[in-house]
């Protein structure tokens, strides 16, 4: 079975969280899981955590903002059912770079128009850009209409806006799964039919199969002759 299909059927949803360096990715994950601010150590390379959102297990994969592994990880986008992109709302100088990173993810072939939650973090700071400013700076209104995105103002250190954002993401993943599941069922039925058809060519089974057809044909002819 295709790995992305197996991911939907057998595993907790996997979500990738990424964004600019120092935007608060680790703080968001730690706050959701433990309810407190983590030690001030940035994410180095790749990390993952298992969370529970509304009684639903969720695997969060984190990529550090300066991670050199980023170009090699795009192949794993296909395994993700959703994305979280964290923006430092107070970083006016770095917003163009954040916009570039965001659109690199969305335009990647492996992104596959999955739901993406954008956390506008650090809203507790005086000079933080608001949602309208960020929507313009990140060119969100220019995105493909098929892409489901949501911009959520947050303050990770104050635990504000996180629950609302994750609730939107989980609902969006579920909505997408509801559309995909019939396709998965059709895929599984097709595989079952294919395997059954192949098994008919087993010599013993195939001979029995042919014999049944011949026998049925004779019975049919006998009935025709009678009438």
N, C-alpha and C. Protein backbone atom coordinates (compact mmCIF):
# COMPACT_ATOMS: atom_id res chain seq x y z
N UNK A 1 0.85 -1.20 0.00
CA UNK A 1 0.00 0.00 0.00
C UNK A 1 0.88 1.24 0.00
N UNK A 2 0.48 2.26 -0.74
CA UNK A 2 1.21 3.51 -0.79
C UNK A 2 1.42 4.07 0.61
N UNK A 3 2.65 4.63 0.87
CA UNK A 3 2.99 5.07 2.23
C UNK A 3 2.08 6.17 2.74
N UNK A 4 1.67 7.09 1.85
CA UNK A 4 0.78 8.17 2.30
C UNK A 4 -0.58 7.63 2.68
N UNK A 5 -1.05 6.56 1.98
CA UNK A 5 -2.33 5.95 2.32
C UNK A 5 -2.21 5.20 3.64
N UNK A 6 -1.12 4.49 3.85
CA UNK A 6 -0.92 3.78 5.11
C UNK A 6 -0.90 4.77 6.26
N UNK A 7 -0.32 5.95 6.03
CA UNK A 7 -0.25 6.96 7.08
C UNK A 7 -1.64 7.37 7.53
N UNK A 8 -2.55 7.54 6.56
CA UNK A 8 -3.92 7.96 6.89
C UNK A 8 -4.63 6.87 7.67
N UNK A 9 -4.43 5.59 7.26
CA UNK A 9 -5.22 4.50 7.81
C UNK A 9 -4.71 4.03 9.16
N UNK A 10 -3.38 3.89 9.31
CA UNK A 10 -2.85 3.15 10.45
C UNK A 10 -2.14 4.00 11.51
N UNK A 11 -1.82 5.23 11.24
CA UNK A 11 -0.98 5.99 12.15
C UNK A 11 -1.66 7.27 12.60
N UNK A 12 -1.18 7.83 13.75
CA UNK A 12 -1.68 9.15 14.14
C UNK A 12 -1.30 10.17 13.07
N UNK A 13 -2.08 11.23 12.90
CA UNK A 13 -1.72 12.25 11.92
C UNK A 13 -0.35 12.83 12.22
N UNK A 14 0.45 13.02 11.18
CA UNK A 14 1.76 13.66 11.31
C UNK A 14 1.67 15.07 10.78
N UNK A 15 2.18 16.02 11.57
CA UNK A 15 2.14 17.43 11.19
C UNK A 15 3.55 17.99 11.31
N UNK A 16 3.94 18.78 10.34
CA UNK A 16 5.26 19.41 10.37
C UNK A 16 5.12 20.84 10.86
N UNK A 17 5.94 21.22 11.84
CA UNK A 17 5.98 22.61 12.30
C UNK A 17 7.34 23.19 11.93
N UNK A 18 7.31 24.31 11.25
CA UNK A 18 8.53 24.96 10.84
C UNK A 18 8.30 26.46 10.81
N UNK A 19 9.28 27.21 10.34
CA UNK A 19 9.16 28.66 10.33
C UNK A 19 10.51 29.32 10.51
N UNK A 20 10.49 30.60 10.75
CA UNK A 20 11.72 31.36 10.91
C UNK A 20 12.44 30.98 12.19
N UNK A 21 13.76 31.16 12.19
CA UNK A 21 14.55 30.92 13.39
C UNK A 21 14.13 31.88 14.50
N UNK A 22 13.89 31.35 15.70
CA UNK A 22 13.52 32.18 16.83
C UNK A 22 12.07 32.63 16.83
N UNK A 23 11.24 32.02 16.00
CA UNK A 23 9.84 32.44 15.91
C UNK A 23 8.97 31.85 17.02
N UNK A 24 9.49 30.82 17.73
CA UNK A 24 8.75 30.26 18.86
C UNK A 24 8.15 28.88 18.62
N UNK A 25 8.71 28.16 17.67
CA UNK A 25 8.18 26.82 17.34
C UNK A 25 8.25 25.88 18.53
N UNK A 26 9.41 25.82 19.16
CA UNK A 26 9.61 24.91 20.29
C UNK A 26 8.74 25.32 21.48
N UNK A 27 8.59 26.62 21.67
CA UNK A 27 7.75 27.11 22.77
C UNK A 27 6.30 26.69 22.56
N UNK A 28 5.82 26.76 21.33
CA UNK A 28 4.44 26.37 21.03
C UNK A 28 4.21 24.90 21.35
N UNK A 29 5.10 24.03 20.87
CA UNK A 29 4.95 22.59 21.10
C UNK A 29 5.03 22.27 22.59
N UNK A 30 5.99 22.89 23.27
CA UNK A 30 6.19 22.62 24.70
C UNK A 30 5.00 23.13 25.52
N UNK A 31 4.46 24.27 25.13
CA UNK A 31 3.32 24.84 25.86
C UNK A 31 2.09 23.95 25.69
N UNK A 32 1.86 23.44 24.48
CA UNK A 32 0.72 22.56 24.24
C UNK A 32 0.87 21.26 25.02
N UNK A 33 2.09 20.72 25.07
CA UNK A 33 2.29 19.42 25.70
C UNK A 33 2.42 19.51 27.22
N UNK A 34 3.14 20.52 27.70
CA UNK A 34 3.46 20.58 29.13
C UNK A 34 2.83 21.77 29.86
N UNK A 35 2.29 22.73 29.10
CA UNK A 35 1.66 23.88 29.72
C UNK A 35 2.64 24.87 30.32
N UNK A 36 3.87 24.84 29.85
CA UNK A 36 4.87 25.79 30.37
C UNK A 36 5.91 26.09 29.30
N UNK A 37 6.68 27.15 29.56
CA UNK A 37 7.72 27.58 28.62
C UNK A 37 8.92 26.64 28.75
N UNK A 38 9.53 26.23 27.64
CA UNK A 38 10.69 25.32 27.71
C UNK A 38 11.96 26.08 28.05
N UNK A 39 13.02 25.33 28.35
CA UNK A 39 14.34 25.95 28.48
C UNK A 39 14.70 26.59 27.15
N UNK A 40 15.49 27.63 27.20
CA UNK A 40 15.77 28.38 25.98
C UNK A 40 16.87 27.73 25.15
N UNK A 41 16.52 26.61 24.56
CA UNK A 41 17.42 25.94 23.63
C UNK A 41 16.68 25.78 22.31
N UNK A 42 17.22 26.30 21.22
CA UNK A 42 16.52 26.20 19.93
C UNK A 42 16.51 24.77 19.41
N UNK A 43 15.57 24.49 18.52
CA UNK A 43 15.54 23.18 17.87
C UNK A 43 16.73 23.05 16.94
N UNK A 44 17.51 21.98 17.14
CA UNK A 44 18.66 21.71 16.28
C UNK A 44 18.30 20.55 15.36
N UNK A 45 18.34 20.81 14.06
CA UNK A 45 18.02 19.74 13.12
C UNK A 45 16.54 19.41 13.15
N UNK A 46 16.25 18.12 13.39
CA UNK A 46 14.87 17.64 13.36
C UNK A 46 14.50 17.00 14.70
N UNK A 47 13.31 17.26 15.17
CA UNK A 47 12.83 16.69 16.43
C UNK A 47 11.36 16.32 16.25
N UNK A 48 10.83 15.46 17.12
CA UNK A 48 9.41 15.15 17.04
C UNK A 48 8.85 14.89 18.42
N UNK A 49 7.57 15.18 18.59
CA UNK A 49 6.85 15.01 19.85
C UNK A 49 5.48 14.41 19.56
N UNK A 50 5.00 13.59 20.49
CA UNK A 50 3.64 13.07 20.37
C UNK A 50 2.75 13.88 21.30
N UNK A 51 1.74 14.52 20.73
CA UNK A 51 0.80 15.34 21.49
C UNK A 51 -0.59 14.71 21.44
N UNK A 52 -1.46 15.19 22.30
CA UNK A 52 -2.86 14.79 22.25
C UNK A 52 -3.71 16.05 22.16
N UNK A 53 -4.44 16.18 21.06
CA UNK A 53 -5.30 17.34 20.82
C UNK A 53 -6.75 16.87 20.78
N UNK A 54 -7.55 17.33 21.74
CA UNK A 54 -8.96 16.90 21.81
C UNK A 54 -9.08 15.37 21.77
N UNK A 55 -8.25 14.73 22.59
CA UNK A 55 -8.25 13.27 22.73
C UNK A 55 -7.78 12.54 21.47
N UNK A 56 -7.20 13.27 20.53
CA UNK A 56 -6.68 12.67 19.31
C UNK A 56 -5.16 12.75 19.31
N UNK A 57 -4.45 11.60 19.14
CA UNK A 57 -2.99 11.63 19.11
C UNK A 57 -2.49 12.35 17.86
N UNK A 58 -1.39 13.04 18.00
CA UNK A 58 -0.82 13.81 16.90
C UNK A 58 0.70 13.79 17.00
N UNK A 59 1.37 13.47 15.91
CA UNK A 59 2.83 13.51 15.86
C UNK A 59 3.25 14.85 15.26
N UNK A 60 4.04 15.60 16.03
CA UNK A 60 4.54 16.89 15.57
C UNK A 60 6.02 16.76 15.23
N UNK A 61 6.35 17.01 13.99
CA UNK A 61 7.74 17.00 13.52
C UNK A 61 8.21 18.45 13.45
N UNK A 62 9.36 18.72 14.06
CA UNK A 62 9.89 20.09 14.11
C UNK A 62 11.18 20.18 13.31
N UNK A 63 11.29 21.24 12.54
CA UNK A 63 12.53 21.53 11.81
C UNK A 63 13.03 22.88 12.29
N UNK A 64 14.28 22.92 12.74
CA UNK A 64 14.88 24.16 13.20
C UNK A 64 14.92 25.20 12.10
N UNK A 65 14.79 26.46 12.49
CA UNK A 65 14.76 27.54 11.50
C UNK A 65 16.02 27.65 10.68
N UNK A 66 17.16 27.24 11.25
CA UNK A 66 18.43 27.31 10.52
C UNK A 66 18.90 25.92 10.11
N UNK A 67 18.03 24.94 10.16
CA UNK A 67 18.43 23.56 9.90
C UNK A 67 18.95 23.38 8.48
N UNK A 68 20.16 22.77 8.39
CA UNK A 68 20.72 22.46 7.08
C UNK A 68 20.07 21.26 6.45
N UNK A 69 19.23 20.54 7.23
CA UNK A 69 18.55 19.36 6.70
C UNK A 69 17.31 19.72 5.90
N UNK A 70 16.89 20.97 5.95
CA UNK A 70 15.62 21.37 5.36
C UNK A 70 15.46 20.91 3.90
N UNK A 71 16.48 21.12 3.02
CA UNK A 71 16.30 20.71 1.62
C UNK A 71 16.08 19.21 1.45
N UNK A 72 16.60 18.40 2.39
CA UNK A 72 16.49 16.95 2.27
C UNK A 72 15.17 16.42 2.85
N UNK A 73 14.45 17.26 3.56
CA UNK A 73 13.25 16.80 4.26
C UNK A 73 11.98 17.02 3.45
N UNK A 74 12.09 17.72 2.34
CA UNK A 74 10.89 18.00 1.56
C UNK A 74 10.25 16.72 1.03
N UNK A 75 11.07 15.66 0.86
CA UNK A 75 10.50 14.39 0.39
C UNK A 75 9.53 13.80 1.40
N UNK A 76 9.64 14.22 2.68
CA UNK A 76 8.75 13.71 3.72
C UNK A 76 7.46 14.51 3.84
N UNK A 77 7.34 15.60 3.08
CA UNK A 77 6.12 16.39 3.12
C UNK A 77 4.91 15.53 2.77
N UNK A 78 5.13 14.57 1.88
CA UNK A 78 4.03 13.72 1.42
C UNK A 78 3.41 12.93 2.57
N UNK A 79 4.21 12.63 3.61
CA UNK A 79 3.73 11.84 4.75
C UNK A 79 2.93 12.69 5.74
N UNK A 80 3.05 14.00 5.62
CA UNK A 80 2.38 14.89 6.56
C UNK A 80 0.92 15.09 6.15
N UNK A 81 0.06 15.20 7.15
CA UNK A 81 -1.35 15.48 6.87
C UNK A 81 -1.69 16.95 7.08
N UNK A 82 -0.74 17.70 7.62
CA UNK A 82 -0.94 19.13 7.83
C UNK A 82 0.38 19.81 8.14
N UNK A 83 0.37 21.12 8.09
CA UNK A 83 1.59 21.90 8.31
C UNK A 83 1.29 23.07 9.25
N UNK A 84 2.30 23.43 10.03
CA UNK A 84 2.23 24.63 10.87
C UNK A 84 3.45 25.49 10.53
N UNK A 85 3.20 26.74 10.19
CA UNK A 85 4.29 27.67 9.90
C UNK A 85 4.22 28.80 10.92
N UNK A 86 5.32 29.00 11.64
CA UNK A 86 5.34 30.00 12.72
C UNK A 86 6.10 31.24 12.26
N UNK A 87 5.46 32.38 12.44
CA UNK A 87 6.05 33.66 12.06
C UNK A 87 6.29 34.49 13.32
N UNK A 88 7.45 35.14 13.39
CA UNK A 88 7.72 36.10 14.45
C UNK A 88 7.07 37.43 14.03
N UNK A 89 5.94 37.74 14.62
CA UNK A 89 5.19 38.94 14.22
C UNK A 89 5.94 40.23 14.53
N UNK A 90 6.94 40.14 15.37
CA UNK A 90 7.69 41.33 15.77
C UNK A 90 8.92 41.55 14.90
N UNK A 91 9.23 40.59 14.03
CA UNK A 91 10.44 40.66 13.21
C UNK A 91 10.11 41.31 11.87
N UNK A 92 10.12 42.62 11.84
CA UNK A 92 9.78 43.35 10.62
C UNK A 92 10.84 43.16 9.54
N UNK A 93 12.09 43.04 9.93
CA UNK A 93 13.16 42.88 8.96
C UNK A 93 13.18 41.48 8.34
N UNK A 94 12.75 40.49 9.11
CA UNK A 94 12.83 39.11 8.63
C UNK A 94 11.56 38.59 7.98
N UNK A 95 10.54 39.45 7.85
CA UNK A 95 9.25 38.97 7.35
C UNK A 95 9.32 38.55 5.88
N UNK A 96 10.17 39.21 5.09
CA UNK A 96 10.30 38.84 3.67
C UNK A 96 10.90 37.44 3.53
N UNK A 97 11.88 37.14 4.38
CA UNK A 97 12.48 35.81 4.36
C UNK A 97 11.47 34.76 4.82
N UNK A 98 10.66 35.12 5.82
CA UNK A 98 9.62 34.20 6.28
C UNK A 98 8.62 33.92 5.15
N UNK A 99 8.26 34.95 4.42
CA UNK A 99 7.35 34.80 3.28
C UNK A 99 7.94 33.86 2.25
N UNK A 100 9.23 34.01 1.98
CA UNK A 100 9.90 33.15 1.00
C UNK A 100 9.85 31.69 1.44
N UNK A 101 10.14 31.43 2.72
CA UNK A 101 10.14 30.06 3.24
C UNK A 101 8.73 29.45 3.18
N UNK A 102 7.74 30.26 3.53
CA UNK A 102 6.36 29.78 3.51
C UNK A 102 5.95 29.35 2.11
N UNK A 103 6.26 30.16 1.12
CA UNK A 103 5.85 29.86 -0.25
C UNK A 103 6.67 28.72 -0.85
N UNK A 104 7.90 28.53 -0.37
CA UNK A 104 8.69 27.37 -0.81
C UNK A 104 8.01 26.08 -0.39
N UNK A 105 7.46 26.08 0.82
CA UNK A 105 6.74 24.89 1.30
C UNK A 105 5.48 24.65 0.49
N UNK A 106 4.68 25.69 0.35
CA UNK A 106 3.39 25.57 -0.33
C UNK A 106 3.55 25.19 -1.81
N UNK A 107 4.62 25.68 -2.44
CA UNK A 107 4.83 25.41 -3.87
C UNK A 107 5.56 24.10 -4.13
N UNK A 108 5.99 23.42 -3.06
CA UNK A 108 6.65 22.13 -3.24
C UNK A 108 5.65 21.08 -3.73
N UNK A 109 6.07 20.25 -4.66
CA UNK A 109 5.16 19.25 -5.23
C UNK A 109 4.61 18.29 -4.18
N UNK A 110 5.39 18.05 -3.12
CA UNK A 110 4.96 17.10 -2.08
C UNK A 110 4.02 17.73 -1.05
N UNK A 111 3.79 19.03 -1.16
CA UNK A 111 2.86 19.69 -0.23
C UNK A 111 1.43 19.21 -0.46
N UNK A 112 1.07 19.06 -1.70
CA UNK A 112 -0.21 18.46 -2.10
C UNK A 112 -1.43 19.17 -1.52
N UNK A 113 -1.35 20.48 -1.40
CA UNK A 113 -2.50 21.30 -0.98
C UNK A 113 -3.11 20.84 0.34
N UNK A 114 -2.26 20.46 1.28
CA UNK A 114 -2.73 20.06 2.61
C UNK A 114 -2.97 21.31 3.46
N UNK A 115 -3.78 21.20 4.51
CA UNK A 115 -4.07 22.38 5.33
C UNK A 115 -2.81 22.90 6.02
N UNK A 116 -2.68 24.21 6.05
CA UNK A 116 -1.52 24.83 6.70
C UNK A 116 -2.00 25.91 7.67
N UNK A 117 -1.58 25.77 8.90
CA UNK A 117 -1.89 26.73 9.97
C UNK A 117 -0.70 27.67 10.11
N UNK A 118 -0.96 28.96 10.08
CA UNK A 118 0.10 29.95 10.23
C UNK A 118 -0.09 30.64 11.57
N UNK A 119 0.86 30.42 12.47
CA UNK A 119 0.82 31.07 13.78
C UNK A 119 1.55 32.41 13.70
N UNK A 120 0.83 33.50 13.91
CA UNK A 120 1.44 34.83 13.99
C UNK A 120 1.83 35.04 15.45
N UNK A 121 3.01 34.55 15.81
CA UNK A 121 3.43 34.49 17.21
C UNK A 121 4.01 35.83 17.70
N UNK A 122 4.13 35.92 19.01
CA UNK A 122 4.69 37.07 19.73
C UNK A 122 3.79 38.31 19.64
N UNK A 123 2.49 38.07 19.65
CA UNK A 123 1.53 39.18 19.61
C UNK A 123 1.53 39.98 20.91
N UNK A 124 2.21 39.47 21.93
CA UNK A 124 2.30 40.19 23.20
C UNK A 124 3.27 41.36 23.13
N UNK A 125 4.10 41.42 22.08
CA UNK A 125 5.08 42.50 21.94
C UNK A 125 4.44 43.72 21.29
N UNK A 126 4.91 44.90 21.71
CA UNK A 126 4.29 46.17 21.31
C UNK A 126 4.28 46.39 19.80
N UNK A 127 5.39 46.06 19.13
CA UNK A 127 5.51 46.35 17.70
C UNK A 127 5.12 45.18 16.80
N UNK A 128 4.42 44.21 17.36
CA UNK A 128 4.03 43.05 16.56
C UNK A 128 3.05 43.45 15.45
N UNK A 129 3.27 42.88 14.27
CA UNK A 129 2.35 43.11 13.15
C UNK A 129 1.04 42.37 13.40
N UNK A 130 -0.07 42.99 13.03
CA UNK A 130 -1.37 42.34 13.23
C UNK A 130 -1.68 41.41 12.05
N UNK A 131 -2.82 40.74 12.11
CA UNK A 131 -3.17 39.77 11.07
C UNK A 131 -3.30 40.39 9.68
N UNK A 132 -3.89 41.58 9.61
CA UNK A 132 -4.06 42.24 8.31
C UNK A 132 -2.70 42.56 7.69
N UNK A 133 -1.78 43.05 8.51
CA UNK A 133 -0.44 43.36 8.01
C UNK A 133 0.28 42.10 7.55
N UNK A 134 0.16 41.04 8.33
CA UNK A 134 0.85 39.79 7.98
C UNK A 134 0.22 39.13 6.76
N UNK A 135 -1.08 39.22 6.64
CA UNK A 135 -1.73 38.66 5.45
C UNK A 135 -1.18 39.31 4.18
N UNK A 136 -0.92 40.60 4.27
CA UNK A 136 -0.36 41.33 3.14
C UNK A 136 1.12 41.00 2.94
N UNK A 137 1.89 41.00 4.03
CA UNK A 137 3.33 40.74 3.95
C UNK A 137 3.64 39.32 3.48
N UNK A 138 2.79 38.37 3.84
CA UNK A 138 3.01 36.97 3.47
C UNK A 138 2.32 36.59 2.16
N UNK A 139 1.65 37.56 1.54
CA UNK A 139 0.97 37.34 0.24
C UNK A 139 -0.03 36.19 0.31
N UNK A 140 -0.75 36.12 1.40
CA UNK A 140 -1.68 35.00 1.60
C UNK A 140 -2.87 35.05 0.65
N UNK A 141 -3.29 36.24 0.29
CA UNK A 141 -4.44 36.36 -0.60
C UNK A 141 -4.12 35.95 -2.03
N UNK A 142 -2.83 35.75 -2.31
CA UNK A 142 -2.43 35.33 -3.66
C UNK A 142 -2.27 33.81 -3.77
N UNK A 143 -2.51 33.11 -2.68
CA UNK A 143 -2.36 31.66 -2.70
C UNK A 143 -3.45 31.01 -3.55
N UNK A 144 -3.13 29.84 -4.06
CA UNK A 144 -4.10 29.04 -4.81
C UNK A 144 -5.37 28.86 -3.98
N UNK A 145 -6.52 29.02 -4.60
CA UNK A 145 -7.80 28.93 -3.89
C UNK A 145 -8.05 27.55 -3.30
N UNK A 146 -7.35 26.53 -3.81
CA UNK A 146 -7.53 25.17 -3.30
C UNK A 146 -6.77 24.92 -2.01
N UNK A 147 -5.88 25.84 -1.66
CA UNK A 147 -5.08 25.67 -0.44
C UNK A 147 -5.86 26.19 0.76
N UNK A 148 -6.01 25.32 1.75
CA UNK A 148 -6.74 25.67 2.96
C UNK A 148 -5.75 26.19 4.00
N UNK A 149 -5.82 27.47 4.31
CA UNK A 149 -4.89 28.06 5.26
C UNK A 149 -5.67 28.87 6.31
N UNK A 150 -4.98 29.09 7.44
CA UNK A 150 -5.60 29.85 8.52
C UNK A 150 -4.52 30.60 9.27
N UNK A 151 -4.72 31.90 9.43
CA UNK A 151 -3.76 32.74 10.14
C UNK A 151 -4.29 33.00 11.54
N UNK A 152 -3.54 32.53 12.55
CA UNK A 152 -3.97 32.65 13.94
C UNK A 152 -2.98 33.49 14.73
N UNK A 153 -3.46 34.62 15.28
CA UNK A 153 -2.62 35.45 16.14
C UNK A 153 -2.38 34.71 17.46
N UNK A 154 -1.11 34.65 17.90
CA UNK A 154 -0.78 33.91 19.11
C UNK A 154 0.28 34.61 19.94
N UNK A 155 0.28 34.25 21.20
CA UNK A 155 1.39 34.56 22.11
C UNK A 155 1.69 33.26 22.82
N UNK A 156 2.73 32.57 22.35
CA UNK A 156 3.04 31.24 22.90
C UNK A 156 3.37 31.31 24.38
N UNK A 157 4.12 32.33 24.80
CA UNK A 157 4.54 32.39 26.20
C UNK A 157 3.36 32.69 27.13
N UNK A 158 2.29 33.26 26.57
CA UNK A 158 1.07 33.51 27.35
C UNK A 158 -0.01 32.47 27.08
N UNK A 159 0.33 31.49 26.25
CA UNK A 159 -0.60 30.41 25.89
C UNK A 159 -1.92 30.96 25.34
N UNK A 160 -1.80 31.93 24.45
CA UNK A 160 -2.97 32.54 23.84
C UNK A 160 -3.03 32.22 22.34
N UNK A 161 -4.18 31.75 21.89
CA UNK A 161 -4.37 31.48 20.47
C UNK A 161 -3.93 30.11 20.01
N UNK A 162 -3.25 29.36 20.87
CA UNK A 162 -2.73 28.05 20.46
C UNK A 162 -3.85 27.03 20.29
N UNK A 163 -4.74 26.96 21.29
CA UNK A 163 -5.83 25.98 21.22
C UNK A 163 -6.71 26.21 20.00
N UNK A 164 -7.00 27.48 19.72
CA UNK A 164 -7.85 27.80 18.57
C UNK A 164 -7.19 27.36 17.26
N UNK A 165 -5.88 27.59 17.17
CA UNK A 165 -5.16 27.21 15.96
C UNK A 165 -5.13 25.70 15.75
N UNK A 166 -4.81 24.96 16.82
CA UNK A 166 -4.75 23.51 16.71
C UNK A 166 -6.13 22.91 16.44
N UNK A 167 -7.16 23.51 17.00
CA UNK A 167 -8.51 23.02 16.74
C UNK A 167 -8.86 23.16 15.26
N UNK A 168 -8.50 24.30 14.66
CA UNK A 168 -8.74 24.49 13.23
C UNK A 168 -7.98 23.44 12.42
N UNK A 169 -6.72 23.21 12.78
CA UNK A 169 -5.90 22.27 12.02
C UNK A 169 -6.45 20.86 12.10
N UNK A 170 -6.82 20.41 13.30
CA UNK A 170 -7.34 19.06 13.46
C UNK A 170 -8.66 18.88 12.70
N UNK A 171 -9.51 19.90 12.74
CA UNK A 171 -10.78 19.83 12.00
C UNK A 171 -10.53 19.78 10.49
N UNK A 172 -9.53 20.54 10.04
CA UNK A 172 -9.21 20.56 8.62
C UNK A 172 -8.64 19.23 8.16
N UNK A 173 -7.81 18.61 9.00
CA UNK A 173 -7.27 17.29 8.67
C UNK A 173 -8.39 16.27 8.60
N UNK A 174 -9.33 16.35 9.55
CA UNK A 174 -10.45 15.41 9.56
C UNK A 174 -11.32 15.59 8.32
N UNK A 175 -11.57 16.85 7.95
CA UNK A 175 -12.37 17.12 6.75
C UNK A 175 -11.71 16.53 5.51
N UNK A 176 -10.39 16.68 5.45
CA UNK A 176 -9.65 16.14 4.30
C UNK A 176 -9.69 14.62 4.30
N UNK A 177 -9.57 14.02 5.48
CA UNK A 177 -9.63 12.56 5.58
C UNK A 177 -10.99 12.03 5.15
N UNK A 178 -12.06 12.77 5.51
CA UNK A 178 -13.41 12.35 5.12
C UNK A 178 -13.55 12.28 3.60
N UNK A 179 -12.82 13.15 2.91
CA UNK A 179 -12.86 13.14 1.44
C UNK A 179 -11.95 12.05 0.87
N UNK A 180 -10.85 11.75 1.60
CA UNK A 180 -9.87 10.78 1.10
C UNK A 180 -10.29 9.35 1.38
N UNK A 181 -10.96 9.11 2.51
CA UNK A 181 -11.28 7.73 2.92
C UNK A 181 -12.02 6.93 1.85
N UNK A 182 -13.04 7.50 1.16
CA UNK A 182 -13.67 6.71 0.09
C UNK A 182 -12.69 6.30 -1.00
N UNK A 183 -11.72 7.17 -1.27
CA UNK A 183 -10.69 6.84 -2.26
C UNK A 183 -9.83 5.69 -1.76
N UNK A 184 -9.51 5.72 -0.44
CA UNK A 184 -8.71 4.65 0.16
C UNK A 184 -9.46 3.33 0.09
N UNK A 185 -10.77 3.38 0.39
CA UNK A 185 -11.57 2.16 0.35
C UNK A 185 -11.62 1.59 -1.07
N UNK A 186 -11.76 2.48 -2.06
CA UNK A 186 -11.75 2.03 -3.45
C UNK A 186 -10.41 1.42 -3.82
N UNK A 187 -9.34 2.05 -3.34
CA UNK A 187 -7.99 1.53 -3.58
C UNK A 187 -7.85 0.13 -3.00
N UNK A 188 -8.29 -0.05 -1.75
CA UNK A 188 -8.19 -1.36 -1.09
C UNK A 188 -9.02 -2.41 -1.81
N UNK A 189 -10.23 -2.02 -2.25
CA UNK A 189 -11.09 -2.96 -2.98
C UNK A 189 -10.44 -3.37 -4.30
N UNK A 190 -9.79 -2.41 -4.94
CA UNK A 190 -9.11 -2.71 -6.21
C UNK A 190 -7.97 -3.70 -6.00
N UNK A 191 -7.20 -3.51 -4.92
CA UNK A 191 -6.10 -4.43 -4.62
C UNK A 191 -6.64 -5.82 -4.34
N UNK A 192 -7.74 -5.90 -3.58
CA UNK A 192 -8.34 -7.20 -3.27
C UNK A 192 -8.80 -7.90 -4.54
N UNK A 193 -9.45 -7.16 -5.43
CA UNK A 193 -9.91 -7.74 -6.69
C UNK A 193 -8.73 -8.19 -7.55
N UNK A 194 -7.67 -7.39 -7.55
CA UNK A 194 -6.49 -7.75 -8.34
C UNK A 194 -5.88 -9.05 -7.83
N UNK A 195 -5.73 -9.16 -6.50
CA UNK A 195 -5.15 -10.37 -5.91
C UNK A 195 -6.02 -11.59 -6.18
N UNK A 196 -7.34 -11.39 -6.12
CA UNK A 196 -8.26 -12.50 -6.38
C UNK A 196 -8.14 -12.95 -7.84
N UNK A 197 -8.05 -11.99 -8.74
CA UNK A 197 -7.93 -12.31 -10.16
C UNK A 197 -6.64 -13.07 -10.43
N UNK A 198 -5.54 -12.60 -9.80
CA UNK A 198 -4.25 -13.27 -9.99
C UNK A 198 -4.31 -14.70 -9.47
N UNK A 199 -5.01 -14.89 -8.34
CA UNK A 199 -5.10 -16.24 -7.74
C UNK A 199 -5.82 -17.21 -8.66
N UNK A 200 -6.66 -16.70 -9.56
CA UNK A 200 -7.38 -17.58 -10.49
C UNK A 200 -6.44 -18.30 -11.44
N UNK A 201 -5.28 -17.73 -11.61
CA UNK A 201 -4.33 -18.32 -12.54
C UNK A 201 -3.42 -19.34 -11.88
N UNK A 202 -3.66 -19.60 -10.61
CA UNK A 202 -3.08 -20.78 -9.99
C UNK A 202 -3.65 -21.99 -10.73
N UNK A 203 -2.80 -22.92 -11.16
CA UNK A 203 -3.21 -24.00 -12.07
C UNK A 203 -4.40 -24.77 -11.53
N UNK A 204 -4.34 -25.18 -10.26
CA UNK A 204 -5.42 -25.97 -9.68
C UNK A 204 -6.72 -25.18 -9.65
N UNK A 205 -6.63 -23.96 -9.12
CA UNK A 205 -7.83 -23.14 -9.01
C UNK A 205 -8.37 -22.76 -10.38
N UNK A 206 -7.46 -22.49 -11.31
CA UNK A 206 -7.89 -22.10 -12.64
C UNK A 206 -8.61 -23.25 -13.35
N UNK A 207 -8.07 -24.49 -13.17
CA UNK A 207 -8.71 -25.67 -13.76
C UNK A 207 -10.11 -25.86 -13.22
N UNK A 208 -10.25 -25.70 -11.90
CA UNK A 208 -11.57 -25.81 -11.27
C UNK A 208 -12.51 -24.75 -11.81
N UNK A 209 -11.98 -23.54 -11.95
CA UNK A 209 -12.76 -22.42 -12.46
C UNK A 209 -13.28 -22.72 -13.87
N UNK A 210 -12.41 -23.23 -14.75
CA UNK A 210 -12.79 -23.56 -16.13
C UNK A 210 -13.81 -24.69 -16.14
N UNK A 211 -13.59 -25.69 -15.27
CA UNK A 211 -14.52 -26.82 -15.20
C UNK A 211 -15.92 -26.36 -14.85
N UNK A 212 -16.00 -25.41 -13.90
CA UNK A 212 -17.30 -24.89 -13.49
C UNK A 212 -17.99 -24.18 -14.65
N UNK A 213 -17.20 -23.44 -15.42
CA UNK A 213 -17.77 -22.73 -16.57
C UNK A 213 -18.31 -23.72 -17.60
N UNK A 214 -17.50 -24.77 -17.89
CA UNK A 214 -17.91 -25.79 -18.87
C UNK A 214 -19.16 -26.51 -18.40
N UNK A 215 -19.16 -26.88 -17.11
CA UNK A 215 -20.31 -27.59 -16.55
C UNK A 215 -21.57 -26.74 -16.65
N UNK A 216 -21.43 -25.47 -16.32
CA UNK A 216 -22.58 -24.56 -16.39
C UNK A 216 -23.07 -24.42 -17.82
N UNK A 217 -22.14 -24.42 -18.76
CA UNK A 217 -22.51 -24.30 -20.17
C UNK A 217 -23.31 -25.50 -20.63
N UNK A 218 -22.88 -26.71 -20.22
CA UNK A 218 -23.60 -27.94 -20.59
C UNK A 218 -25.02 -27.94 -20.03
N UNK A 219 -25.14 -27.52 -18.77
CA UNK A 219 -26.47 -27.46 -18.15
C UNK A 219 -27.37 -26.49 -18.91
N UNK A 220 -26.78 -25.39 -19.31
CA UNK A 220 -27.55 -24.40 -20.06
C UNK A 220 -28.02 -24.98 -21.40
N UNK A 221 -27.11 -25.68 -22.11
CA UNK A 221 -27.45 -26.27 -23.40
C UNK A 221 -28.52 -27.35 -23.26
N UNK A 222 -28.41 -28.14 -22.20
CA UNK A 222 -29.40 -29.19 -21.96
C UNK A 222 -30.80 -28.58 -21.78
N UNK A 223 -30.84 -27.50 -21.03
CA UNK A 223 -32.13 -26.84 -20.80
C UNK A 223 -32.68 -26.24 -22.09
N UNK A 224 -31.78 -25.72 -22.92
CA UNK A 224 -32.22 -25.14 -24.20
C UNK A 224 -32.79 -26.23 -25.10
N UNK A 225 -32.10 -27.39 -25.14
CA UNK A 225 -32.53 -28.51 -25.98
C UNK A 225 -33.90 -29.01 -25.56
N UNK A 226 -34.14 -29.05 -24.23
CA UNK A 226 -35.42 -29.53 -23.72
C UNK A 226 -36.57 -28.70 -24.25
N UNK A 227 -36.30 -27.41 -24.39
CA UNK A 227 -37.37 -26.50 -24.82
C UNK A 227 -37.32 -26.25 -26.33
